[in-house]
Amino acid sequence: ALSPMVISKLQQKKLSVEAILDMKSRDIGAFVDSPYAGADIMRCARQFPAMDVSATIQPITRSVLRVHLTLEPQFEWHDRVHGTAEPWWIFVEDTDNEHIYHSEYFILTKKQHQECSPEKPISLVFTIPIFDPLPAQYFIRIVSDRWLGAENIVALSFKHLILPQQYPPHPDLQDLMPLPV
């Protein structure tokens, strides 16, 4: 745990977790005027929950898309800090944040965190509606249920999306003999 003095200095300097992770521990210590606190601050920043998110989309019909969501935890798991599971909320929203097209409660367990790697990420699949006229994009927002500021947003671009035809042609009937009853 960090001392209240170090926390107040971090708040005064308005350092984000991402900025802390980009620095070296000795630089962080010098930044908060406490050379020995740099390693502790870095350790705490590495334990702050962050999730790398990527998504691919596939049209099922003209009004329904399948979303393949890939999640990769980008933090160090510590039992005292995270317990046995970290819950997350996943939302799919329009660009104006007026409508939520999908919401899902996802629980990241310690075992999933340990088994996850770039070669074997966590995958989720769900469907979402789309409407005419086709919007430019939707946003996928993943938010931690317990940690303030632990969230990530990914845009689902529909720029190169090719939808099925609105009225597909009917296939010709084949000349077949009826089966006996």
N, C-alpha and C. Protein backbone atom coordinates (compact mmCIF):
# COMPACT_ATOMS: atom_id res chain seq x y z
N ALA A 1 0.84 -1.18 0.00
CA ALA A 1 0.00 0.00 0.00
C ALA A 1 0.88 1.24 0.00
N LEU A 2 0.37 2.28 -0.60
CA LEU A 2 1.10 3.53 -0.69
C LEU A 2 0.71 4.45 0.46
N SER A 3 1.65 5.26 0.89
CA SER A 3 1.36 6.19 1.97
C SER A 3 0.44 7.31 1.47
N PRO A 4 -0.33 7.90 2.37
CA PRO A 4 -1.22 9.00 1.96
C PRO A 4 -0.47 10.18 1.34
N MET A 5 0.77 10.42 1.80
CA MET A 5 1.56 11.51 1.26
C MET A 5 1.89 11.24 -0.22
N VAL A 6 2.28 10.01 -0.52
CA VAL A 6 2.63 9.65 -1.90
C VAL A 6 1.38 9.72 -2.79
N ILE A 7 0.27 9.26 -2.29
CA ILE A 7 -0.98 9.30 -3.06
C ILE A 7 -1.38 10.74 -3.36
N SER A 8 -1.26 11.62 -2.37
CA SER A 8 -1.64 13.02 -2.60
C SER A 8 -0.70 13.68 -3.61
N LYS A 9 0.59 13.32 -3.58
CA LYS A 9 1.53 13.88 -4.57
C LYS A 9 1.20 13.37 -5.98
N LEU A 10 0.81 12.10 -6.08
CA LEU A 10 0.42 11.56 -7.39
C LEU A 10 -0.83 12.27 -7.91
N GLN A 11 -1.77 12.55 -7.02
CA GLN A 11 -2.99 13.25 -7.42
C GLN A 11 -2.69 14.69 -7.83
N GLN A 12 -1.77 15.35 -7.12
CA GLN A 12 -1.41 16.72 -7.46
C GLN A 12 -0.73 16.78 -8.82
N LYS A 13 0.10 15.81 -9.12
CA LYS A 13 0.83 15.78 -10.40
C LYS A 13 -0.06 15.29 -11.54
N LYS A 14 -1.23 14.70 -11.19
CA LYS A 14 -2.20 14.19 -12.18
C LYS A 14 -1.57 13.17 -13.11
N LEU A 15 -0.86 12.23 -12.52
CA LEU A 15 -0.25 11.15 -13.30
C LEU A 15 -1.27 10.03 -13.51
N SER A 16 -1.43 9.60 -14.74
CA SER A 16 -2.32 8.48 -15.02
C SER A 16 -1.54 7.17 -14.83
N VAL A 17 -2.28 6.07 -14.73
CA VAL A 17 -1.65 4.76 -14.59
C VAL A 17 -0.80 4.46 -15.81
N GLU A 18 -1.29 4.82 -17.00
CA GLU A 18 -0.54 4.59 -18.24
C GLU A 18 0.77 5.37 -18.24
N ALA A 19 0.72 6.61 -17.75
CA ALA A 19 1.94 7.42 -17.69
C ALA A 19 2.95 6.82 -16.70
N ILE A 20 2.45 6.31 -15.59
CA ILE A 20 3.33 5.69 -14.60
C ILE A 20 3.99 4.45 -15.18
N LEU A 21 3.23 3.65 -15.92
CA LEU A 21 3.79 2.42 -16.50
C LEU A 21 4.83 2.71 -17.58
N ASP A 22 4.76 3.88 -18.20
CA ASP A 22 5.74 4.26 -19.22
C ASP A 22 7.04 4.79 -18.62
N MET A 23 7.03 5.11 -17.33
CA MET A 23 8.21 5.68 -16.67
C MET A 23 9.02 4.58 -15.98
N LYS A 24 10.25 4.92 -15.60
CA LYS A 24 11.08 4.04 -14.79
C LYS A 24 10.81 4.34 -13.33
N SER A 25 11.00 3.33 -12.46
CA SER A 25 10.65 3.51 -11.05
C SER A 25 11.47 4.64 -10.40
N ARG A 26 12.72 4.81 -10.77
CA ARG A 26 13.51 5.90 -10.16
C ARG A 26 12.99 7.26 -10.59
N ASP A 27 12.48 7.36 -11.85
CA ASP A 27 11.91 8.62 -12.32
C ASP A 27 10.60 8.93 -11.60
N ILE A 28 9.82 7.89 -11.32
CA ILE A 28 8.57 8.08 -10.58
C ILE A 28 8.87 8.57 -9.17
N GLY A 29 9.85 7.94 -8.54
CA GLY A 29 10.25 8.35 -7.19
C GLY A 29 10.70 9.80 -7.16
N ALA A 30 11.48 10.21 -8.16
CA ALA A 30 11.93 11.61 -8.22
C ALA A 30 10.74 12.54 -8.49
N PHE A 31 9.79 12.08 -9.26
CA PHE A 31 8.63 12.89 -9.61
C PHE A 31 7.76 13.22 -8.40
N VAL A 32 7.68 12.27 -7.45
CA VAL A 32 6.87 12.50 -6.24
C VAL A 32 7.73 12.87 -5.03
N ASP A 33 9.01 13.18 -5.27
CA ASP A 33 9.95 13.59 -4.21
C ASP A 33 10.12 12.53 -3.13
N SER A 34 10.06 11.28 -3.53
CA SER A 34 10.26 10.17 -2.60
C SER A 34 10.96 9.04 -3.37
N PRO A 35 12.30 9.05 -3.40
CA PRO A 35 13.04 8.12 -4.25
C PRO A 35 12.74 6.64 -3.96
N TYR A 36 12.39 6.31 -2.73
CA TYR A 36 12.15 4.90 -2.40
C TYR A 36 10.73 4.45 -2.72
N ALA A 37 9.85 5.38 -3.01
CA ALA A 37 8.46 5.03 -3.30
C ALA A 37 8.24 4.62 -4.75
N GLY A 38 9.21 4.89 -5.63
CA GLY A 38 9.05 4.60 -7.05
C GLY A 38 8.73 3.14 -7.34
N ALA A 39 9.43 2.21 -6.68
CA ALA A 39 9.19 0.78 -6.92
C ALA A 39 7.79 0.37 -6.45
N ASP A 40 7.35 0.91 -5.30
CA ASP A 40 6.00 0.60 -4.80
C ASP A 40 4.91 1.15 -5.72
N ILE A 41 5.12 2.36 -6.21
CA ILE A 41 4.15 2.96 -7.13
C ILE A 41 4.07 2.14 -8.41
N MET A 42 5.21 1.71 -8.92
CA MET A 42 5.25 0.90 -10.14
C MET A 42 4.54 -0.44 -9.92
N ARG A 43 4.76 -1.05 -8.77
CA ARG A 43 4.11 -2.33 -8.46
C ARG A 43 2.60 -2.16 -8.41
N CYS A 44 2.13 -1.10 -7.77
CA CYS A 44 0.70 -0.83 -7.70
C CYS A 44 0.11 -0.54 -9.09
N ALA A 45 0.84 0.18 -9.92
CA ALA A 45 0.37 0.50 -11.27
C ALA A 45 0.25 -0.77 -12.11
N ARG A 46 1.18 -1.70 -11.93
CA ARG A 46 1.12 -2.97 -12.68
C ARG A 46 -0.06 -3.83 -12.25
N GLN A 47 -0.56 -3.65 -11.02
CA GLN A 47 -1.68 -4.43 -10.52
C GLN A 47 -3.03 -3.79 -10.85
N PHE A 48 -3.02 -2.57 -11.37
CA PHE A 48 -4.27 -1.89 -11.74
C PHE A 48 -4.88 -2.61 -12.94
N PRO A 49 -6.14 -3.07 -12.83
CA PRO A 49 -6.76 -3.85 -13.91
C PRO A 49 -6.87 -3.07 -15.22
N ALA A 50 -6.36 -3.68 -16.27
CA ALA A 50 -6.48 -3.13 -17.62
C ALA A 50 -6.73 -4.30 -18.56
N MET A 51 -7.53 -4.07 -19.57
CA MET A 51 -7.90 -5.13 -20.49
C MET A 51 -7.68 -4.65 -21.92
N ASP A 52 -6.92 -5.42 -22.69
CA ASP A 52 -6.72 -5.14 -24.10
C ASP A 52 -7.88 -5.80 -24.85
N VAL A 53 -8.56 -5.04 -25.69
CA VAL A 53 -9.77 -5.51 -26.35
C VAL A 53 -9.62 -5.35 -27.86
N SER A 54 -10.00 -6.38 -28.60
CA SER A 54 -10.10 -6.27 -30.06
C SER A 54 -11.36 -7.00 -30.49
N ALA A 55 -11.90 -6.59 -31.62
CA ALA A 55 -13.17 -7.17 -32.06
C ALA A 55 -13.18 -7.30 -33.57
N THR A 56 -13.85 -8.35 -34.03
CA THR A 56 -14.14 -8.52 -35.45
C THR A 56 -15.64 -8.72 -35.59
N ILE A 57 -16.18 -8.29 -36.72
CA ILE A 57 -17.62 -8.41 -36.94
C ILE A 57 -17.89 -9.21 -38.20
N GLN A 58 -19.05 -9.85 -38.20
CA GLN A 58 -19.47 -10.66 -39.34
C GLN A 58 -20.99 -10.50 -39.47
N PRO A 59 -21.46 -10.10 -40.66
CA PRO A 59 -22.91 -9.99 -40.82
C PRO A 59 -23.57 -11.36 -40.88
N ILE A 60 -24.65 -11.53 -40.15
CA ILE A 60 -25.44 -12.75 -40.22
C ILE A 60 -26.62 -12.52 -41.16
N THR A 61 -27.33 -11.43 -40.92
CA THR A 61 -28.40 -10.98 -41.83
C THR A 61 -28.17 -9.49 -42.05
N ARG A 62 -29.10 -8.89 -42.75
CA ARG A 62 -28.98 -7.46 -43.01
C ARG A 62 -29.14 -6.63 -41.74
N SER A 63 -29.71 -7.20 -40.70
CA SER A 63 -29.97 -6.44 -39.48
C SER A 63 -29.30 -7.03 -38.23
N VAL A 64 -28.49 -8.07 -38.39
CA VAL A 64 -27.84 -8.70 -37.24
C VAL A 64 -26.36 -8.95 -37.55
N LEU A 65 -25.51 -8.56 -36.60
CA LEU A 65 -24.06 -8.80 -36.72
C LEU A 65 -23.60 -9.72 -35.62
N ARG A 66 -22.64 -10.58 -35.94
CA ARG A 66 -21.97 -11.40 -34.93
C ARG A 66 -20.66 -10.70 -34.59
N VAL A 67 -20.40 -10.55 -33.30
CA VAL A 67 -19.19 -9.90 -32.82
C VAL A 67 -18.32 -10.94 -32.13
N HIS A 68 -17.07 -11.05 -32.57
CA HIS A 68 -16.07 -11.90 -31.91
C HIS A 68 -15.17 -10.95 -31.12
N LEU A 69 -15.26 -11.02 -29.80
CA LEU A 69 -14.51 -10.13 -28.93
C LEU A 69 -13.33 -10.90 -28.34
N THR A 70 -12.14 -10.32 -28.42
CA THR A 70 -10.93 -10.92 -27.88
C THR A 70 -10.44 -10.05 -26.74
N LEU A 71 -10.28 -10.67 -25.56
CA LEU A 71 -9.85 -9.94 -24.36
C LEU A 71 -8.50 -10.49 -23.88
N GLU A 72 -7.60 -9.57 -23.53
CA GLU A 72 -6.32 -9.95 -22.95
C GLU A 72 -6.05 -9.08 -21.73
N PRO A 73 -5.99 -9.70 -20.54
CA PRO A 73 -5.67 -8.92 -19.34
C PRO A 73 -4.25 -8.35 -19.43
N GLN A 74 -4.10 -7.09 -19.06
CA GLN A 74 -2.80 -6.42 -19.12
C GLN A 74 -2.37 -5.94 -17.74
N PHE A 75 -2.50 -6.83 -16.75
CA PHE A 75 -2.12 -6.46 -15.39
C PHE A 75 -1.63 -7.69 -14.66
N GLU A 76 -0.91 -7.45 -13.57
CA GLU A 76 -0.41 -8.54 -12.73
C GLU A 76 -1.46 -8.87 -11.67
N TRP A 77 -1.74 -10.16 -11.54
CA TRP A 77 -2.74 -10.61 -10.57
C TRP A 77 -2.08 -10.77 -9.21
N HIS A 78 -2.72 -10.22 -8.20
CA HIS A 78 -2.26 -10.37 -6.82
C HIS A 78 -3.49 -10.72 -5.99
N ASP A 79 -3.45 -11.86 -5.30
CA ASP A 79 -4.63 -12.35 -4.57
C ASP A 79 -5.16 -11.35 -3.55
N ARG A 80 -4.27 -10.65 -2.86
CA ARG A 80 -4.71 -9.71 -1.83
C ARG A 80 -5.45 -8.52 -2.45
N VAL A 81 -5.10 -8.17 -3.66
CA VAL A 81 -5.70 -7.02 -4.32
C VAL A 81 -6.94 -7.42 -5.13
N HIS A 82 -6.85 -8.54 -5.85
CA HIS A 82 -7.91 -8.93 -6.79
C HIS A 82 -8.81 -10.05 -6.29
N GLY A 83 -8.42 -10.76 -5.26
CA GLY A 83 -9.23 -11.87 -4.79
C GLY A 83 -9.19 -13.04 -5.76
N THR A 84 -10.32 -13.70 -5.96
CA THR A 84 -10.36 -14.85 -6.86
C THR A 84 -10.92 -14.50 -8.23
N ALA A 85 -11.54 -13.32 -8.37
CA ALA A 85 -12.14 -12.94 -9.65
C ALA A 85 -12.23 -11.43 -9.78
N GLU A 86 -12.19 -10.96 -11.01
CA GLU A 86 -12.38 -9.55 -11.34
C GLU A 86 -13.58 -9.43 -12.28
N PRO A 87 -14.69 -8.82 -11.84
CA PRO A 87 -15.86 -8.67 -12.72
C PRO A 87 -15.73 -7.45 -13.63
N TRP A 88 -16.24 -7.61 -14.86
CA TRP A 88 -16.22 -6.55 -15.87
C TRP A 88 -17.59 -6.45 -16.51
N TRP A 89 -17.93 -5.27 -16.98
CA TRP A 89 -19.14 -5.05 -17.77
C TRP A 89 -18.71 -4.76 -19.21
N ILE A 90 -19.42 -5.35 -20.16
CA ILE A 90 -19.16 -5.11 -21.58
C ILE A 90 -20.43 -4.50 -22.18
N PHE A 91 -20.26 -3.35 -22.81
CA PHE A 91 -21.39 -2.65 -23.43
C PHE A 91 -21.07 -2.39 -24.90
N VAL A 92 -22.09 -2.50 -25.76
CA VAL A 92 -21.98 -2.07 -27.14
C VAL A 92 -22.95 -0.90 -27.30
N GLU A 93 -22.41 0.27 -27.68
CA GLU A 93 -23.18 1.51 -27.72
C GLU A 93 -23.09 2.15 -29.09
N ASP A 94 -24.04 3.03 -29.40
CA ASP A 94 -23.93 3.80 -30.63
C ASP A 94 -22.98 4.98 -30.40
N THR A 95 -22.73 5.73 -31.45
CA THR A 95 -21.73 6.81 -31.36
C THR A 95 -22.15 7.94 -30.43
N ASP A 96 -23.45 8.14 -30.27
CA ASP A 96 -23.93 9.22 -29.39
C ASP A 96 -24.17 8.75 -27.97
N ASN A 97 -23.89 7.49 -27.68
CA ASN A 97 -24.13 6.89 -26.37
C ASN A 97 -25.60 7.00 -25.95
N GLU A 98 -26.50 6.96 -26.93
CA GLU A 98 -27.92 7.04 -26.64
C GLU A 98 -28.54 5.66 -26.44
N HIS A 99 -28.00 4.66 -27.14
CA HIS A 99 -28.57 3.32 -27.08
C HIS A 99 -27.48 2.31 -26.72
N ILE A 100 -27.85 1.34 -25.91
CA ILE A 100 -26.97 0.21 -25.60
C ILE A 100 -27.56 -1.00 -26.32
N TYR A 101 -26.80 -1.56 -27.25
CA TYR A 101 -27.29 -2.67 -28.06
C TYR A 101 -26.96 -4.03 -27.47
N HIS A 102 -26.01 -4.06 -26.57
CA HIS A 102 -25.65 -5.32 -25.90
C HIS A 102 -24.96 -4.97 -24.59
N SER A 103 -25.29 -5.72 -23.55
CA SER A 103 -24.56 -5.60 -22.28
C SER A 103 -24.33 -7.00 -21.75
N GLU A 104 -23.18 -7.17 -21.13
CA GLU A 104 -22.82 -8.49 -20.64
C GLU A 104 -21.94 -8.34 -19.40
N TYR A 105 -22.19 -9.17 -18.43
CA TYR A 105 -21.39 -9.20 -17.20
C TYR A 105 -20.38 -10.33 -17.37
N PHE A 106 -19.11 -10.00 -17.34
CA PHE A 106 -18.05 -10.97 -17.58
C PHE A 106 -17.18 -11.06 -16.33
N ILE A 107 -16.91 -12.27 -15.87
CA ILE A 107 -16.08 -12.45 -14.69
C ILE A 107 -14.76 -13.09 -15.11
N LEU A 108 -13.68 -12.36 -14.90
CA LEU A 108 -12.33 -12.85 -15.18
C LEU A 108 -11.82 -13.54 -13.92
N THR A 109 -11.59 -14.83 -14.00
CA THR A 109 -11.10 -15.58 -12.85
C THR A 109 -9.58 -15.58 -12.85
N LYS A 110 -9.02 -15.93 -11.73
CA LYS A 110 -7.56 -16.01 -11.61
C LYS A 110 -7.02 -17.06 -12.59
N LYS A 111 -7.71 -18.17 -12.72
CA LYS A 111 -7.27 -19.23 -13.63
C LYS A 111 -7.27 -18.72 -15.09
N GLN A 112 -8.32 -18.01 -15.50
CA GLN A 112 -8.36 -17.46 -16.85
C GLN A 112 -7.21 -16.48 -17.06
N HIS A 113 -6.94 -15.67 -16.06
CA HIS A 113 -5.86 -14.69 -16.14
C HIS A 113 -4.51 -15.39 -16.34
N GLN A 114 -4.29 -16.47 -15.60
CA GLN A 114 -3.02 -17.19 -15.69
C GLN A 114 -2.87 -17.92 -17.03
N GLU A 115 -3.97 -18.45 -17.56
CA GLU A 115 -3.91 -19.22 -18.81
C GLU A 115 -3.92 -18.33 -20.05
N CYS A 116 -4.28 -17.08 -19.90
CA CYS A 116 -4.39 -16.18 -21.03
C CYS A 116 -3.02 -15.78 -21.54
N SER A 117 -2.87 -15.75 -22.86
CA SER A 117 -1.63 -15.32 -23.50
C SER A 117 -1.99 -14.73 -24.86
N PRO A 118 -1.06 -14.05 -25.52
CA PRO A 118 -1.37 -13.52 -26.86
C PRO A 118 -1.77 -14.62 -27.85
N GLU A 119 -1.24 -15.83 -27.65
CA GLU A 119 -1.60 -16.95 -28.53
C GLU A 119 -2.96 -17.54 -28.16
N LYS A 120 -3.36 -17.41 -26.90
CA LYS A 120 -4.61 -17.98 -26.42
C LYS A 120 -5.38 -16.94 -25.59
N PRO A 121 -5.97 -15.94 -26.27
CA PRO A 121 -6.72 -14.92 -25.52
C PRO A 121 -8.11 -15.43 -25.14
N ILE A 122 -8.80 -14.66 -24.34
CA ILE A 122 -10.18 -14.96 -23.94
C ILE A 122 -11.09 -14.48 -25.07
N SER A 123 -12.02 -15.33 -25.50
CA SER A 123 -12.92 -14.99 -26.60
C SER A 123 -14.37 -15.00 -26.14
N LEU A 124 -15.11 -14.02 -26.58
CA LEU A 124 -16.55 -13.94 -26.36
C LEU A 124 -17.22 -13.71 -27.71
N VAL A 125 -18.38 -14.32 -27.91
CA VAL A 125 -19.13 -14.15 -29.15
C VAL A 125 -20.56 -13.78 -28.79
N PHE A 126 -21.08 -12.74 -29.43
CA PHE A 126 -22.46 -12.33 -29.21
C PHE A 126 -22.98 -11.65 -30.48
N THR A 127 -24.28 -11.43 -30.53
CA THR A 127 -24.88 -10.77 -31.69
C THR A 127 -25.46 -9.42 -31.27
N ILE A 128 -25.44 -8.49 -32.24
CA ILE A 128 -25.99 -7.16 -32.00
C ILE A 128 -26.83 -6.76 -33.21
N PRO A 129 -27.81 -5.89 -33.01
CA PRO A 129 -28.61 -5.41 -34.15
C PRO A 129 -27.92 -4.24 -34.84
N ILE A 130 -28.20 -4.09 -36.12
CA ILE A 130 -27.82 -2.87 -36.85
C ILE A 130 -29.05 -2.39 -37.60
N PHE A 131 -29.07 -1.12 -37.92
CA PHE A 131 -30.27 -0.52 -38.50
C PHE A 131 -29.90 0.26 -39.74
N ASP A 132 -30.90 0.41 -40.63
CA ASP A 132 -30.75 1.27 -41.80
C ASP A 132 -31.17 2.67 -41.41
N PRO A 133 -30.50 3.70 -41.80
CA PRO A 133 -29.24 3.69 -42.52
C PRO A 133 -28.11 3.21 -41.61
N LEU A 134 -27.14 2.56 -42.22
CA LEU A 134 -26.02 1.97 -41.48
C LEU A 134 -25.20 3.06 -40.80
N PRO A 135 -25.01 2.96 -39.47
CA PRO A 135 -24.19 3.98 -38.79
C PRO A 135 -22.71 3.82 -39.17
N ALA A 136 -21.93 4.82 -38.89
CA ALA A 136 -20.50 4.76 -39.20
C ALA A 136 -19.79 3.75 -38.31
N GLN A 137 -20.20 3.67 -37.05
CA GLN A 137 -19.54 2.77 -36.11
C GLN A 137 -20.34 2.61 -34.83
N TYR A 138 -20.02 1.56 -34.09
CA TYR A 138 -20.49 1.35 -32.73
C TYR A 138 -19.24 1.35 -31.85
N PHE A 139 -19.45 1.49 -30.55
CA PHE A 139 -18.34 1.42 -29.61
C PHE A 139 -18.54 0.26 -28.66
N ILE A 140 -17.47 -0.48 -28.40
CA ILE A 140 -17.48 -1.50 -27.36
C ILE A 140 -16.73 -0.92 -26.18
N ARG A 141 -17.42 -0.87 -25.06
CA ARG A 141 -16.83 -0.32 -23.83
C ARG A 141 -16.74 -1.45 -22.81
N ILE A 142 -15.56 -1.68 -22.27
CA ILE A 142 -15.38 -2.68 -21.21
C ILE A 142 -14.96 -1.93 -19.95
N VAL A 143 -15.74 -2.12 -18.88
CA VAL A 143 -15.57 -1.35 -17.65
C VAL A 143 -15.47 -2.30 -16.47
N SER A 144 -14.48 -2.08 -15.61
CA SER A 144 -14.36 -2.88 -14.40
C SER A 144 -15.51 -2.57 -13.46
N ASP A 145 -16.02 -3.61 -12.81
CA ASP A 145 -17.13 -3.45 -11.87
C ASP A 145 -16.64 -2.92 -10.53
N ARG A 146 -15.35 -3.07 -10.24
CA ARG A 146 -14.82 -2.70 -8.92
C ARG A 146 -13.85 -1.52 -8.94
N TRP A 147 -13.18 -1.28 -10.05
CA TRP A 147 -12.11 -0.29 -10.09
C TRP A 147 -12.56 0.93 -10.89
N LEU A 148 -12.42 2.10 -10.28
CA LEU A 148 -12.75 3.35 -10.94
C LEU A 148 -11.67 3.67 -11.97
N GLY A 149 -12.05 3.98 -13.18
CA GLY A 149 -11.09 4.34 -14.21
C GLY A 149 -10.52 3.17 -14.97
N ALA A 150 -10.88 1.95 -14.60
CA ALA A 150 -10.38 0.77 -15.32
C ALA A 150 -11.37 0.45 -16.43
N GLU A 151 -11.14 1.02 -17.60
CA GLU A 151 -12.02 0.78 -18.73
C GLU A 151 -11.25 0.93 -20.03
N ASN A 152 -11.84 0.39 -21.09
CA ASN A 152 -11.26 0.48 -22.42
C ASN A 152 -12.40 0.60 -23.42
N ILE A 153 -12.15 1.34 -24.49
CA ILE A 153 -13.16 1.54 -25.53
C ILE A 153 -12.55 1.19 -26.87
N VAL A 154 -13.31 0.41 -27.66
CA VAL A 154 -12.87 0.03 -29.00
C VAL A 154 -13.98 0.38 -29.98
N ALA A 155 -13.62 0.93 -31.12
CA ALA A 155 -14.61 1.28 -32.13
C ALA A 155 -14.82 0.10 -33.08
N LEU A 156 -16.08 -0.19 -33.37
CA LEU A 156 -16.44 -1.19 -34.40
C LEU A 156 -16.80 -0.39 -35.65
N SER A 157 -15.91 -0.33 -36.59
CA SER A 157 -16.15 0.45 -37.79
C SER A 157 -16.96 -0.37 -38.80
N PHE A 158 -17.95 0.27 -39.39
CA PHE A 158 -18.78 -0.37 -40.42
C PHE A 158 -18.41 0.13 -41.82
N LYS A 159 -17.26 0.78 -41.92
CA LYS A 159 -16.86 1.41 -43.18
C LYS A 159 -16.77 0.40 -44.32
N HIS A 160 -16.15 -0.75 -44.09
CA HIS A 160 -15.95 -1.74 -45.15
C HIS A 160 -16.85 -2.95 -44.97
N LEU A 161 -17.93 -2.80 -44.23
CA LEU A 161 -18.86 -3.90 -43.99
C LEU A 161 -19.76 -4.12 -45.20
N ILE A 162 -19.82 -5.34 -45.67
CA ILE A 162 -20.68 -5.69 -46.79
C ILE A 162 -21.82 -6.54 -46.25
N LEU A 163 -23.03 -6.00 -46.35
CA LEU A 163 -24.21 -6.69 -45.84
C LEU A 163 -24.84 -7.55 -46.93
N PRO A 164 -25.57 -8.60 -46.55
CA PRO A 164 -26.29 -9.39 -47.55
C PRO A 164 -27.33 -8.52 -48.26
N GLN A 165 -27.76 -8.98 -49.44
CA GLN A 165 -28.75 -8.24 -50.21
C GLN A 165 -30.05 -8.11 -49.42
N GLN A 166 -30.75 -7.01 -49.68
CA GLN A 166 -31.99 -6.78 -48.94
C GLN A 166 -33.08 -7.78 -49.34
N TYR A 167 -33.21 -8.03 -50.64
CA TYR A 167 -34.19 -9.01 -51.12
C TYR A 167 -33.44 -10.01 -52.00
N PRO A 168 -32.89 -11.08 -51.37
CA PRO A 168 -32.13 -12.02 -52.18
C PRO A 168 -33.04 -12.74 -53.17
N PRO A 169 -32.52 -13.10 -54.36
CA PRO A 169 -33.36 -13.78 -55.35
C PRO A 169 -33.72 -15.18 -54.85
N HIS A 170 -34.93 -15.61 -55.21
CA HIS A 170 -35.36 -16.94 -54.81
C HIS A 170 -34.73 -17.97 -55.73
N PRO A 171 -34.33 -19.11 -55.18
CA PRO A 171 -33.74 -20.14 -56.05
C PRO A 171 -34.84 -20.78 -56.91
N ASP A 172 -34.44 -21.23 -58.07
CA ASP A 172 -35.38 -21.91 -58.95
C ASP A 172 -35.73 -23.27 -58.36
N LEU A 173 -37.00 -23.65 -58.53
CA LEU A 173 -37.42 -24.97 -58.06
C LEU A 173 -36.91 -26.03 -59.03
N GLN A 174 -36.42 -27.11 -58.48
CA GLN A 174 -35.92 -28.19 -59.31
C GLN A 174 -37.05 -29.17 -59.62
N ASP A 175 -36.95 -29.78 -60.76
CA ASP A 175 -37.95 -30.73 -61.20
C ASP A 175 -37.66 -32.08 -60.55
N LEU A 176 -38.30 -32.37 -59.42
CA LEU A 176 -38.05 -33.61 -58.67
C LEU A 176 -39.31 -34.44 -58.59
N MET A 177 -39.13 -35.72 -58.51
CA MET A 177 -40.27 -36.63 -58.34
C MET A 177 -40.65 -36.61 -56.86
N PRO A 178 -41.96 -36.50 -56.53
CA PRO A 178 -42.37 -36.53 -55.12
C PRO A 178 -42.11 -37.91 -54.51
N LEU A 179 -41.79 -37.92 -53.22
CA LEU A 179 -41.56 -39.18 -52.52
C LEU A 179 -42.91 -39.78 -52.14
N PRO A 180 -43.00 -41.14 -52.16
CA PRO A 180 -44.25 -41.75 -51.72
C PRO A 180 -44.48 -41.56 -50.23
N VAL A 181 -45.75 -41.53 -49.83
CA VAL A 181 -46.10 -41.28 -48.43
C VAL A 181 -45.79 -42.50 -47.58
